[in-house]
Protein backbone atom coordinates (compact mmCIF):
# COMPACT_ATOMS: atom_id res chain seq x y z
CA MET A 1 15.69 17.58 -8.53
CA LEU A 2 17.66 14.32 -8.79
CA ILE A 3 15.83 11.15 -7.77
CA LEU A 4 17.15 7.60 -7.66
CA GLY A 5 14.46 4.99 -8.34
CA LEU A 6 14.47 1.25 -7.73
CA GLU A 7 12.14 -1.27 -9.38
CA SER A 8 11.87 -4.93 -8.34
CA SER A 9 8.17 -5.75 -8.58
CA CYS A 10 8.58 -8.83 -10.79
CA ASP A 11 11.53 -10.17 -12.78
CA GLU A 12 13.54 -7.04 -13.62
CA THR A 13 15.97 -5.51 -11.13
CA ALA A 14 16.29 -1.88 -12.14
CA CYS A 15 17.87 1.34 -10.92
CA ALA A 16 17.66 4.78 -12.53
CA ILE A 17 18.55 8.36 -11.76
CA VAL A 18 16.21 10.96 -13.24
CA LYS A 19 16.32 14.76 -13.21
CA ASP A 20 13.05 16.65 -12.70
CA GLY A 21 10.99 13.61 -13.64
CA ARG A 22 11.89 13.79 -17.33
CA GLU A 23 15.64 13.63 -18.01
CA VAL A 24 17.22 10.20 -17.53
CA LEU A 25 20.84 10.32 -16.33
CA ALA A 26 21.13 6.59 -15.71
CA ASN A 27 18.90 3.63 -16.47
CA ILE A 28 20.12 0.13 -15.56
CA VAL A 29 17.96 -2.98 -15.97
CA SER A 30 19.00 -6.52 -15.07
CA SER A 31 16.56 -8.92 -16.74
CA GLN A 32 15.81 -12.41 -15.43
CA ILE A 33 14.32 -13.81 -18.66
CA LYS A 34 17.08 -16.38 -19.09
CA THR A 35 16.66 -17.51 -15.48
CA HIS A 36 12.92 -18.14 -15.81
CA GLU A 37 12.88 -19.57 -19.35
CA LYS A 38 13.32 -23.14 -18.11
CA PHE A 39 10.27 -22.74 -15.83
CA GLY A 40 8.04 -21.28 -18.55
CA GLY A 41 7.24 -18.27 -16.37
CA VAL A 42 8.33 -16.24 -13.36
CA VAL A 43 8.95 -18.16 -10.13
CA PRO A 44 8.55 -15.62 -7.28
CA GLU A 45 11.08 -17.16 -4.89
CA VAL A 46 13.72 -17.44 -7.61
CA ALA A 47 13.02 -13.88 -8.75
CA ALA A 48 13.46 -12.51 -5.22
CA ARG A 49 16.86 -14.21 -4.86
CA GLU A 50 17.95 -12.81 -8.21
CA HIS A 51 16.97 -9.32 -7.05
CA LEU A 52 19.11 -9.76 -3.93
CA ASN A 53 22.07 -10.81 -6.06
CA SER A 54 21.73 -7.84 -8.43
CA ILE A 55 20.48 -4.86 -6.43
CA ASN A 56 23.80 -3.53 -5.09
CA LEU A 57 25.55 -4.00 -8.42
CA ILE A 58 22.99 -2.06 -10.43
CA ILE A 59 22.91 0.79 -7.88
CA LYS A 60 26.68 1.17 -8.21
CA GLU A 61 26.39 1.04 -12.00
CA ALA A 62 23.71 3.77 -11.95
CA TYR A 63 25.97 6.09 -9.94
CA LYS A 64 28.75 5.40 -12.43
CA GLN A 65 26.56 5.99 -15.49
CA ALA A 66 25.11 9.24 -14.13
CA GLN A 67 28.53 10.33 -12.86
CA ILE A 68 27.17 11.45 -9.51
CA THR A 69 27.54 10.48 -5.86
CA PRO A 70 24.70 9.64 -3.43
CA ASP A 71 25.19 12.99 -1.70
CA GLU A 72 24.16 14.78 -4.89
CA LEU A 73 20.76 13.10 -4.91
CA ASP A 74 17.68 14.81 -3.54
CA CYS A 75 15.73 11.70 -2.74
CA PHE A 76 15.42 7.91 -3.06
CA SER A 77 12.33 6.06 -4.31
CA ALA A 78 11.09 2.54 -4.96
CA THR A 79 8.06 0.62 -6.14
CA VAL A 80 5.81 -0.31 -3.21
CA GLY A 81 3.25 -2.31 -5.19
CA PRO A 82 1.42 -3.96 -6.78
CA GLY A 83 3.76 -6.83 -7.50
CA LEU A 84 5.34 -9.96 -6.04
CA VAL A 85 5.76 -9.34 -2.32
CA GLY A 86 9.18 -10.98 -1.91
CA CYS A 87 10.51 -9.13 -4.92
CA LEU A 88 9.09 -5.75 -3.90
CA LEU A 89 10.72 -6.01 -0.48
CA VAL A 90 14.20 -6.12 -2.01
CA GLY A 91 13.90 -2.80 -3.83
CA LEU A 92 11.85 -1.09 -1.13
CA ASN A 93 14.21 -2.00 1.71
CA ALA A 94 17.24 -1.01 -0.36
CA ALA A 95 15.78 2.43 -1.10
CA LYS A 96 14.71 2.98 2.50
CA THR A 97 18.19 2.02 3.73
CA LEU A 98 19.85 4.42 1.29
CA SER A 99 17.48 7.14 2.43
CA ILE A 100 18.42 6.65 6.09
CA VAL A 101 22.16 6.26 5.48
CA HIS A 102 22.41 9.40 3.34
CA ASN A 103 19.80 11.37 5.30
CA LYS A 104 17.62 12.02 2.25
CA PRO A 105 13.84 11.67 1.84
CA PHE A 106 12.27 8.42 0.67
CA LEU A 107 9.22 8.34 -1.61
CA GLY A 108 7.11 5.28 -2.36
CA VAL A 109 5.64 4.71 -5.82
CA ASN A 110 2.62 2.81 -7.16
CA HIS A 111 3.77 0.57 -10.02
CA LEU A 112 0.77 1.38 -12.23
CA ASN A 113 1.17 5.13 -11.73
CA ALA A 114 4.84 4.70 -12.63
CA HIS A 115 3.89 3.15 -15.97
CA VAL A 116 1.71 6.19 -16.70
CA CYS A 117 4.59 8.51 -15.78
CA ALA A 118 6.86 6.73 -18.28
CA ASN A 119 5.16 9.00 -20.82
CA PHE A 120 6.76 12.05 -19.20
CA ILE A 121 10.29 10.78 -19.79
CA ASP A 122 12.08 12.59 -22.63
CA SER A 123 8.87 14.41 -23.53
CA ASN A 124 6.91 17.60 -22.85
CA LEU A 125 3.64 15.72 -22.34
CA LYS A 126 1.33 17.23 -19.74
CA PRO A 127 -2.11 16.20 -18.39
CA PRO A 128 -4.98 16.02 -19.03
CA PHE A 129 -5.02 12.92 -21.25
CA ILE A 130 -6.58 9.48 -21.62
CA CYS A 131 -4.18 6.62 -20.90
CA LEU A 132 -4.53 3.03 -22.07
CA LEU A 133 -2.61 1.00 -19.47
CA VAL A 134 -1.86 -2.51 -20.71
CA SER A 135 0.40 -4.98 -18.92
CA GLY A 136 0.66 -8.57 -17.76
CA GLY A 137 -1.55 -7.91 -14.76
CA HIS A 138 -3.69 -4.92 -15.73
CA THR A 139 -5.83 -3.58 -18.55
CA GLN A 140 -7.30 -0.16 -17.80
CA ILE A 141 -8.38 3.05 -19.44
CA ILE A 142 -7.48 5.91 -17.14
CA ARG A 143 -8.46 9.56 -17.23
CA VAL A 144 -5.39 11.47 -16.05
CA LYS A 145 -6.80 14.80 -14.92
CA ASN A 146 -3.53 16.19 -13.59
CA TYR A 147 -0.23 14.82 -12.33
CA SER A 148 -1.75 13.40 -9.13
CA GLU A 149 -5.45 12.88 -9.91
CA GLN A 150 -6.63 9.90 -11.97
CA GLU A 151 -9.91 8.11 -12.63
CA ILE A 152 -10.28 4.53 -13.90
CA LEU A 153 -12.84 4.55 -16.71
CA ALA A 154 -12.67 0.90 -17.81
CA GLN A 155 -10.84 -2.26 -16.79
CA THR A 156 -10.72 -5.99 -17.41
CA ILE A 157 -13.08 -8.37 -15.67
CA ASP A 158 -10.86 -11.41 -16.28
CA ASP A 159 -7.51 -11.85 -18.04
CA ALA A 160 -5.30 -8.82 -18.54
CA VAL A 161 -3.92 -8.28 -22.04
CA GLY A 162 -0.38 -9.42 -21.25
CA GLU A 163 -1.73 -12.46 -19.47
CA VAL A 164 -3.89 -13.57 -22.40
CA TYR A 165 -0.98 -13.01 -24.79
CA ASP A 166 1.14 -15.44 -22.77
CA LYS A 167 -1.71 -17.97 -22.60
CA VAL A 168 -2.36 -17.87 -26.33
CA ALA A 169 1.38 -18.20 -26.93
CA ARG A 170 1.40 -21.38 -24.84
CA LEU A 171 -1.56 -22.73 -26.84
CA CYS A 172 0.56 -22.20 -29.95
CA SER A 173 3.57 -23.89 -28.29
CA ILE A 174 5.53 -20.62 -28.33
CA PRO A 175 8.16 -20.61 -25.55
CA TYR A 176 8.55 -18.03 -22.77
CA PRO A 177 8.45 -15.03 -23.02
CA GLY A 178 5.43 -15.85 -25.14
CA GLY A 179 3.83 -12.42 -25.59
CA ILE A 180 6.92 -10.88 -27.16
CA LEU A 181 7.47 -13.80 -29.52
CA LEU A 182 3.78 -13.89 -30.47
CA ASP A 183 3.98 -10.24 -31.50
CA LYS A 184 6.97 -10.94 -33.75
CA MET A 185 5.20 -13.92 -35.31
CA ALA A 186 2.03 -11.89 -35.90
CA GLN A 187 3.92 -9.41 -38.04
CA GLU A 188 4.44 -12.17 -40.62
CA GLY A 189 0.86 -13.48 -40.59
CA ASN A 190 -2.51 -12.63 -42.17
CA LYS A 191 -4.69 -10.69 -39.71
CA ASN A 192 -7.80 -11.56 -41.76
CA ALA A 193 -7.23 -15.32 -41.70
CA PHE A 194 -9.46 -15.83 -38.63
CA ASN A 195 -12.41 -13.72 -37.52
CA PHE A 196 -12.09 -13.98 -33.76
CA PRO A 197 -14.97 -12.58 -31.66
CA GLU A 198 -15.01 -9.55 -29.41
CA ALA A 199 -16.51 -10.00 -25.94
CA LYS A 200 -19.97 -8.51 -25.46
CA VAL A 201 -19.38 -6.67 -22.19
CA GLY A 202 -20.06 -3.17 -20.90
CA ILE A 203 -18.29 -0.19 -22.42
CA ASP A 204 -16.40 0.17 -19.15
CA GLU A 205 -15.23 -3.46 -19.20
CA PHE A 206 -12.71 -5.63 -21.02
CA SER A 207 -12.87 -9.41 -21.29
CA PHE A 208 -10.37 -11.59 -23.12
CA SER A 209 -11.10 -15.06 -21.75
CA GLY A 210 -13.62 -15.74 -24.53
CA LEU A 211 -11.10 -14.69 -27.16
CA LYS A 212 -8.60 -17.12 -25.67
CA THR A 213 -11.19 -19.91 -25.88
CA ALA A 214 -11.98 -19.02 -29.49
CA VAL A 215 -8.28 -19.30 -30.37
CA LEU A 216 -8.14 -22.71 -28.67
CA ARG A 217 -11.11 -23.95 -30.72
CA GLU A 218 -9.40 -22.95 -33.96
CA ILE A 219 -6.13 -24.57 -32.90
CA LYS A 220 -7.91 -27.87 -32.25
CA LYS A 221 -9.02 -27.97 -35.90
CA PHE A 222 -5.42 -28.45 -37.07
CA LYS A 223 -2.78 -31.08 -36.69
CA PRO A 224 0.20 -29.77 -34.67
CA ASP A 225 2.53 -29.75 -37.68
CA GLU A 226 -0.05 -27.95 -39.83
CA LEU A 227 -0.98 -25.20 -37.38
CA PRO A 228 -0.87 -21.75 -39.08
CA LYS A 229 0.71 -20.05 -36.09
CA LYS A 230 1.55 -16.80 -37.86
CA ASP A 231 -2.02 -16.30 -39.08
CA ILE A 232 -3.50 -17.18 -35.69
CA ALA A 233 -1.10 -14.77 -34.00
CA ALA A 234 -1.87 -11.98 -36.47
CA SER A 235 -5.66 -12.44 -36.25
CA PHE A 236 -5.56 -12.62 -32.46
CA GLN A 237 -3.34 -9.56 -32.17
CA TYR A 238 -5.50 -7.54 -34.54
CA LYS A 239 -8.65 -8.28 -32.53
CA VAL A 240 -6.97 -7.34 -29.24
CA ALA A 241 -5.64 -4.06 -30.60
CA ASP A 242 -8.96 -3.22 -32.26
CA THR A 243 -10.86 -3.74 -29.00
CA LEU A 244 -8.41 -1.70 -26.94
CA ILE A 245 -8.12 1.25 -29.31
CA LYS A 246 -11.86 1.38 -30.04
CA LYS A 247 -12.80 1.69 -26.37
CA THR A 248 -10.00 4.13 -25.62
CA LYS A 249 -11.16 6.35 -28.47
CA TYR A 250 -14.75 6.13 -27.18
CA PHE A 251 -13.79 7.60 -23.81
CA ALA A 252 -11.55 10.23 -25.40
CA ASP A 253 -14.51 11.39 -27.51
CA LYS A 254 -16.94 11.20 -24.62
CA LEU A 255 -14.72 13.38 -22.43
CA ASN A 256 -13.65 15.64 -25.29
CA CYS A 257 -9.99 14.81 -24.69
CA LYS A 258 -7.88 14.71 -27.85
CA THR A 259 -4.70 13.43 -26.20
CA ILE A 260 -4.34 9.63 -25.93
CA VAL A 261 -1.30 7.85 -24.52
CA MET A 262 -0.33 4.24 -23.79
CA ALA A 263 1.62 2.70 -20.94
CA GLY A 264 2.68 -0.70 -19.61
CA GLY A 265 4.63 -3.62 -21.02
CA VAL A 266 2.11 -4.33 -23.78
CA ALA A 267 2.47 -0.72 -24.96
CA ALA A 268 5.58 -2.06 -26.71
CA ASN A 269 3.33 -4.22 -28.93
CA SER A 270 3.83 -3.41 -32.62
CA GLU A 271 0.15 -3.55 -33.63
CA LEU A 272 -0.98 -1.39 -30.72
CA ARG A 273 1.65 1.24 -31.45
CA LYS A 274 0.67 1.23 -35.11
CA ARG A 275 -3.03 1.67 -34.31
CA LEU A 276 -2.23 4.48 -31.86
CA GLN A 277 -0.20 6.28 -34.53
CA GLU A 278 -3.09 6.00 -36.97
CA LEU A 279 -5.24 8.13 -34.65
CA LYS A 280 -3.11 11.15 -35.54
CA ALA A 281 -4.84 11.25 -38.91
CA GLN A 282 -8.09 11.83 -36.99
CA ASP A 283 -6.61 14.88 -35.20
CA TYR A 284 -5.75 13.11 -31.96
CA ILE A 285 -2.50 13.84 -30.16
CA THR A 286 -0.89 10.50 -29.30
CA HIS A 287 2.11 9.41 -27.28
CA ALA A 288 3.75 6.20 -26.15
CA PRO A 289 6.94 5.76 -24.14
CA ALA A 290 10.14 4.61 -25.82
CA LEU A 291 10.22 0.81 -25.91
CA LYS A 292 12.77 0.62 -23.08
CA TYR A 293 10.39 2.54 -20.81
CA CYS A 294 7.33 0.36 -21.56
CA THR A 295 8.54 -2.77 -19.80
CA ASP A 296 9.41 -2.60 -16.09
CA ASN A 297 12.19 -0.10 -15.43
CA ALA A 298 13.29 2.30 -12.71
CA ALA A 299 13.27 5.49 -14.78
CA MET A 300 9.48 5.46 -14.64
CA VAL A 301 9.69 4.94 -10.85
CA ALA A 302 11.92 7.97 -10.36
CA SER A 303 9.67 10.00 -12.66
CA CYS A 304 6.60 8.97 -10.69
CA ALA A 305 8.34 9.88 -7.43
CA TYR A 306 8.70 13.39 -8.85
CA PHE A 307 5.20 13.78 -10.31
CA ASN A 308 2.94 11.47 -8.28
CA PRO A 309 4.43 9.70 -5.23
CA ILE A 310 2.27 7.77 -2.78
CA LYS A 311 0.95 10.26 -0.23
CA SER A 312 2.07 9.37 3.29
CA ASP A 313 2.86 11.23 6.51
CA ASN A 314 5.84 8.90 6.97
CA PRO A 315 6.91 7.19 3.72
CA LEU A 316 9.51 5.12 5.59
CA LEU A 317 6.61 3.20 7.16
CA LEU A 318 5.09 2.24 3.80
CA GLU A 319 4.70 -1.51 3.30
CA VAL A 320 4.56 -3.53 0.10
CA PHE A 321 1.27 -4.71 -1.37
CA SER A 322 0.58 -7.34 -3.99
CA ARG A 323 -2.68 -6.01 -5.41
CA GLU A 324 -4.55 -2.73 -5.60
């Protein structure tokens, strides 16, 4: 089954063609990082216009890369939400139009479910498993019972992981995209330089706002030109990864599930991937998507359309949504 997927939920315009939910024939991503750098973050209206400028070009490039025609596809899919409404509309309307023009089915996809399905790409992974979903807008531990049935076991009560990474980066005067640069800086620092606290919340909750405040307090103790950014980044990153992995392991043990996977943009984080790998020594089976499938992309959308599309009597009537 060949599915074309479109992703435009934030600041990446992406198109992919995937076979049977696992084999990627084409994967095109047009990033807007350079566009938004001068603003220090994503501007929704600007992002939507960039999607409009790119969408037709990347669809044509995907056909070319996969060496197929639209008539060879079995279906079209797109992210419906959550995301930026104006941005989502670009990809959704493009996919619906292609569906009507070529008389092929359309399937809508939940962006978070798509991140989970990124683990199926180029792998033989099958449910059940425990998934740590970490992104700019979400931090969740999910029990994936089968391809279409999931249960949220824990989630953040304030800042998501990606969000707090960007905020701490700004506190350290690290330019956009802060989270990525903070990770690189942390790899050169001393993770034991600062003993940042872990929030005292329920086992089914995450909270990172207090950690952000603790970082700010330490920063204020230094003159700007004497700030040990690498050590702060390393200590902060270590505490975040420790909290995330510890709680994920707790639920895996509680539910007697030895398979743990990660998903979302922050699943590309070096410390998190290292800590996940270390669980193999404790007889866990671990998996994380390739780096190019962690950040927003359309391959995960097409995979999700195959394994877990949004259930609807008439998918062409699906409308975008900004939040779950």
